[in-house]
Amino acid sequence: MNAASAPAARIRVTLVRSLAKRTSRQRACVRGLGLRRLHHSVEVNATPENLGMIRAVGYLLRIEEIGHASE
């Protein structure tokens, strides 16, 4: 099985710190992950794009790996 056909890992991210006084790029990363308000959680695939956004604003988030996506 190659990397392209392997199911992507899933990650649950929760916004735990406020976006007040954050830059527009940081706010865009949080919105790009699908988070809307404090303590809102979403599950995202562990793609390079999502991992980059998580890395950029990781100090605002709680991150939990929840396994692989089902196909």
N, C-alpha and C. Protein backbone atom coordinates (compact mmCIF):
# COMPACT_ATOMS: atom_id res chain seq x y z
N MET A 1 0.86 -1.17 0.00
CA MET A 1 0.00 0.00 0.00
C MET A 1 0.90 1.23 0.00
N ASN A 2 0.71 2.13 -0.95
CA ASN A 2 1.54 3.33 -0.98
C ASN A 2 0.91 4.46 -0.18
N ALA A 3 1.68 5.53 0.00
CA ALA A 3 1.23 6.64 0.84
C ALA A 3 -0.01 7.32 0.27
N ALA A 4 -0.16 7.34 -1.03
CA ALA A 4 -1.30 8.02 -1.65
C ALA A 4 -2.61 7.31 -1.36
N SER A 5 -2.60 5.99 -1.23
CA SER A 5 -3.84 5.27 -1.01
C SER A 5 -4.09 4.94 0.47
N ALA A 6 -3.13 5.24 1.34
CA ALA A 6 -3.31 4.97 2.76
C ALA A 6 -4.29 5.98 3.35
N PRO A 7 -5.17 5.54 4.25
CA PRO A 7 -6.10 6.50 4.86
C PRO A 7 -5.34 7.48 5.75
N ALA A 8 -5.75 8.72 5.71
CA ALA A 8 -5.09 9.77 6.48
C ALA A 8 -5.48 9.66 7.95
N ALA A 9 -4.54 9.98 8.81
CA ALA A 9 -4.83 10.03 10.24
C ALA A 9 -5.79 11.19 10.51
N ARG A 10 -6.56 11.09 11.56
CA ARG A 10 -7.49 12.15 11.94
C ARG A 10 -6.98 12.81 13.21
N ILE A 11 -7.21 14.11 13.31
CA ILE A 11 -6.78 14.88 14.47
C ILE A 11 -7.97 15.71 14.93
N ARG A 12 -8.23 15.73 16.24
CA ARG A 12 -9.26 16.60 16.81
C ARG A 12 -8.56 17.83 17.38
N VAL A 13 -8.97 19.00 16.94
CA VAL A 13 -8.39 20.25 17.44
C VAL A 13 -9.49 21.05 18.11
N THR A 14 -9.14 21.67 19.23
CA THR A 14 -10.07 22.48 20.01
C THR A 14 -9.42 23.82 20.29
N LEU A 15 -10.14 24.90 20.02
CA LEU A 15 -9.63 26.24 20.30
C LEU A 15 -9.76 26.51 21.79
N VAL A 16 -8.64 26.70 22.49
CA VAL A 16 -8.68 26.88 23.94
C VAL A 16 -8.17 28.25 24.38
N ARG A 17 -7.62 29.03 23.45
CA ARG A 17 -7.20 30.39 23.78
C ARG A 17 -7.84 31.36 22.81
N SER A 18 -8.09 32.57 23.26
CA SER A 18 -8.81 33.57 22.49
C SER A 18 -8.01 34.05 21.28
N LEU A 19 -8.74 34.50 20.28
CA LEU A 19 -8.12 35.10 19.09
C LEU A 19 -7.96 36.61 19.23
N ALA A 20 -8.33 37.17 20.37
CA ALA A 20 -8.16 38.60 20.58
C ALA A 20 -6.68 38.96 20.49
N LYS A 21 -6.39 40.03 19.79
CA LYS A 21 -5.03 40.56 19.60
C LYS A 21 -4.12 39.60 18.84
N ARG A 22 -4.69 38.76 17.99
CA ARG A 22 -3.90 37.87 17.13
C ARG A 22 -3.86 38.49 15.74
N THR A 23 -2.86 38.12 14.97
CA THR A 23 -2.74 38.66 13.61
C THR A 23 -3.79 38.06 12.70
N SER A 24 -4.00 38.71 11.55
CA SER A 24 -5.00 38.21 10.61
C SER A 24 -4.58 36.84 10.05
N ARG A 25 -3.28 36.59 9.92
CA ARG A 25 -2.82 35.28 9.45
C ARG A 25 -3.16 34.19 10.45
N GLN A 26 -3.00 34.47 11.75
CA GLN A 26 -3.33 33.49 12.77
C GLN A 26 -4.83 33.23 12.80
N ARG A 27 -5.62 34.29 12.68
CA ARG A 27 -7.08 34.12 12.64
C ARG A 27 -7.49 33.30 11.43
N ALA A 28 -6.82 33.53 10.30
CA ALA A 28 -7.13 32.79 9.08
C ALA A 28 -6.80 31.31 9.24
N CYS A 29 -5.72 30.99 9.91
CA CYS A 29 -5.38 29.58 10.16
C CYS A 29 -6.44 28.91 11.01
N VAL A 30 -6.89 29.58 12.04
CA VAL A 30 -7.92 29.01 12.92
C VAL A 30 -9.21 28.80 12.14
N ARG A 31 -9.61 29.79 11.34
CA ARG A 31 -10.83 29.66 10.53
C ARG A 31 -10.66 28.56 9.47
N GLY A 32 -9.45 28.46 8.92
CA GLY A 32 -9.19 27.43 7.91
C GLY A 32 -9.32 26.02 8.47
N LEU A 33 -9.05 25.88 9.75
CA LEU A 33 -9.24 24.58 10.40
C LEU A 33 -10.70 24.31 10.73
N GLY A 34 -11.56 25.32 10.58
CA GLY A 34 -12.99 25.14 10.82
C GLY A 34 -13.42 25.50 12.23
N LEU A 35 -12.54 26.15 12.98
CA LEU A 35 -12.87 26.52 14.36
C LEU A 35 -13.54 27.89 14.37
N ARG A 36 -14.61 28.02 15.14
CA ARG A 36 -15.40 29.25 15.13
C ARG A 36 -15.34 30.02 16.45
N ARG A 37 -15.24 29.34 17.56
CA ARG A 37 -15.31 30.03 18.86
C ARG A 37 -14.53 29.22 19.88
N LEU A 38 -14.32 29.78 21.06
CA LEU A 38 -13.61 29.08 22.12
C LEU A 38 -14.29 27.76 22.46
N HIS A 39 -13.49 26.75 22.70
CA HIS A 39 -13.93 25.41 23.09
C HIS A 39 -14.71 24.69 22.00
N HIS A 40 -14.63 25.18 20.77
CA HIS A 40 -15.21 24.50 19.62
C HIS A 40 -14.19 23.47 19.14
N SER A 41 -14.63 22.25 18.87
CA SER A 41 -13.75 21.18 18.40
C SER A 41 -14.16 20.73 17.01
N VAL A 42 -13.16 20.40 16.20
CA VAL A 42 -13.40 19.82 14.89
C VAL A 42 -12.40 18.69 14.67
N GLU A 43 -12.76 17.77 13.79
CA GLU A 43 -11.85 16.70 13.40
C GLU A 43 -11.39 16.97 11.98
N VAL A 44 -10.07 16.96 11.78
CA VAL A 44 -9.50 17.23 10.46
C VAL A 44 -8.57 16.08 10.08
N ASN A 45 -8.37 15.91 8.77
CA ASN A 45 -7.38 14.94 8.30
C ASN A 45 -5.99 15.51 8.52
N ALA A 46 -5.04 14.64 8.75
CA ALA A 46 -3.65 15.06 9.00
C ALA A 46 -2.92 15.25 7.68
N THR A 47 -3.38 16.23 6.89
CA THR A 47 -2.73 16.56 5.63
C THR A 47 -1.61 17.56 5.90
N PRO A 48 -0.66 17.70 5.00
CA PRO A 48 0.40 18.69 5.21
C PRO A 48 -0.15 20.11 5.40
N GLU A 49 -1.22 20.44 4.68
CA GLU A 49 -1.81 21.77 4.80
C GLU A 49 -2.38 22.00 6.20
N ASN A 50 -3.15 21.04 6.70
CA ASN A 50 -3.72 21.17 8.04
C ASN A 50 -2.65 21.14 9.11
N LEU A 51 -1.65 20.29 8.96
CA LEU A 51 -0.57 20.22 9.95
C LEU A 51 0.20 21.53 10.00
N GLY A 52 0.37 22.20 8.87
CA GLY A 52 1.02 23.50 8.85
C GLY A 52 0.22 24.55 9.60
N MET A 53 -1.09 24.55 9.41
CA MET A 53 -1.94 25.50 10.14
C MET A 53 -1.92 25.20 11.63
N ILE A 54 -1.95 23.92 11.99
CA ILE A 54 -1.89 23.54 13.40
C ILE A 54 -0.57 23.97 14.01
N ARG A 55 0.53 23.80 13.27
CA ARG A 55 1.84 24.20 13.76
C ARG A 55 1.91 25.72 13.97
N ALA A 56 1.27 26.49 13.08
CA ALA A 56 1.32 27.94 13.16
C ALA A 56 0.60 28.49 14.38
N VAL A 57 -0.49 27.86 14.78
CA VAL A 57 -1.29 28.37 15.90
C VAL A 57 -1.47 27.32 16.99
N GLY A 58 -0.54 26.40 17.09
CA GLY A 58 -0.66 25.30 18.04
C GLY A 58 -0.79 25.73 19.49
N TYR A 59 -0.23 26.89 19.82
CA TYR A 59 -0.31 27.37 21.20
C TYR A 59 -1.72 27.84 21.57
N LEU A 60 -2.61 27.95 20.59
CA LEU A 60 -4.00 28.33 20.85
C LEU A 60 -4.92 27.11 20.92
N LEU A 61 -4.37 25.93 20.60
CA LEU A 61 -5.20 24.75 20.40
C LEU A 61 -4.88 23.63 21.38
N ARG A 62 -5.86 22.75 21.59
CA ARG A 62 -5.62 21.45 22.21
C ARG A 62 -5.74 20.44 21.08
N ILE A 63 -4.75 19.56 20.96
CA ILE A 63 -4.65 18.66 19.82
C ILE A 63 -4.69 17.23 20.31
N GLU A 64 -5.55 16.40 19.70
CA GLU A 64 -5.65 14.98 20.04
C GLU A 64 -5.67 14.17 18.76
N GLU A 65 -4.81 13.16 18.68
CA GLU A 65 -4.86 12.26 17.53
C GLU A 65 -5.93 11.22 17.82
N ILE A 66 -6.80 10.99 16.85
CA ILE A 66 -7.92 10.09 17.10
C ILE A 66 -7.91 8.87 16.18
N GLY A 67 -6.86 8.67 15.41
CA GLY A 67 -6.77 7.47 14.59
C GLY A 67 -6.87 7.77 13.12
N HIS A 68 -7.26 6.75 12.35
CA HIS A 68 -7.33 6.85 10.89
C HIS A 68 -8.76 7.08 10.44
N ALA A 69 -8.88 7.76 9.32
CA ALA A 69 -10.18 7.98 8.71
C ALA A 69 -10.68 6.69 8.11
N SER A 70 -11.94 6.44 8.22
CA SER A 70 -12.51 5.25 7.59
C SER A 70 -12.90 5.59 6.16
N GLU A 71 -12.77 4.62 5.29
CA GLU A 71 -13.11 4.87 3.88
C GLU A 71 -14.35 4.14 3.49
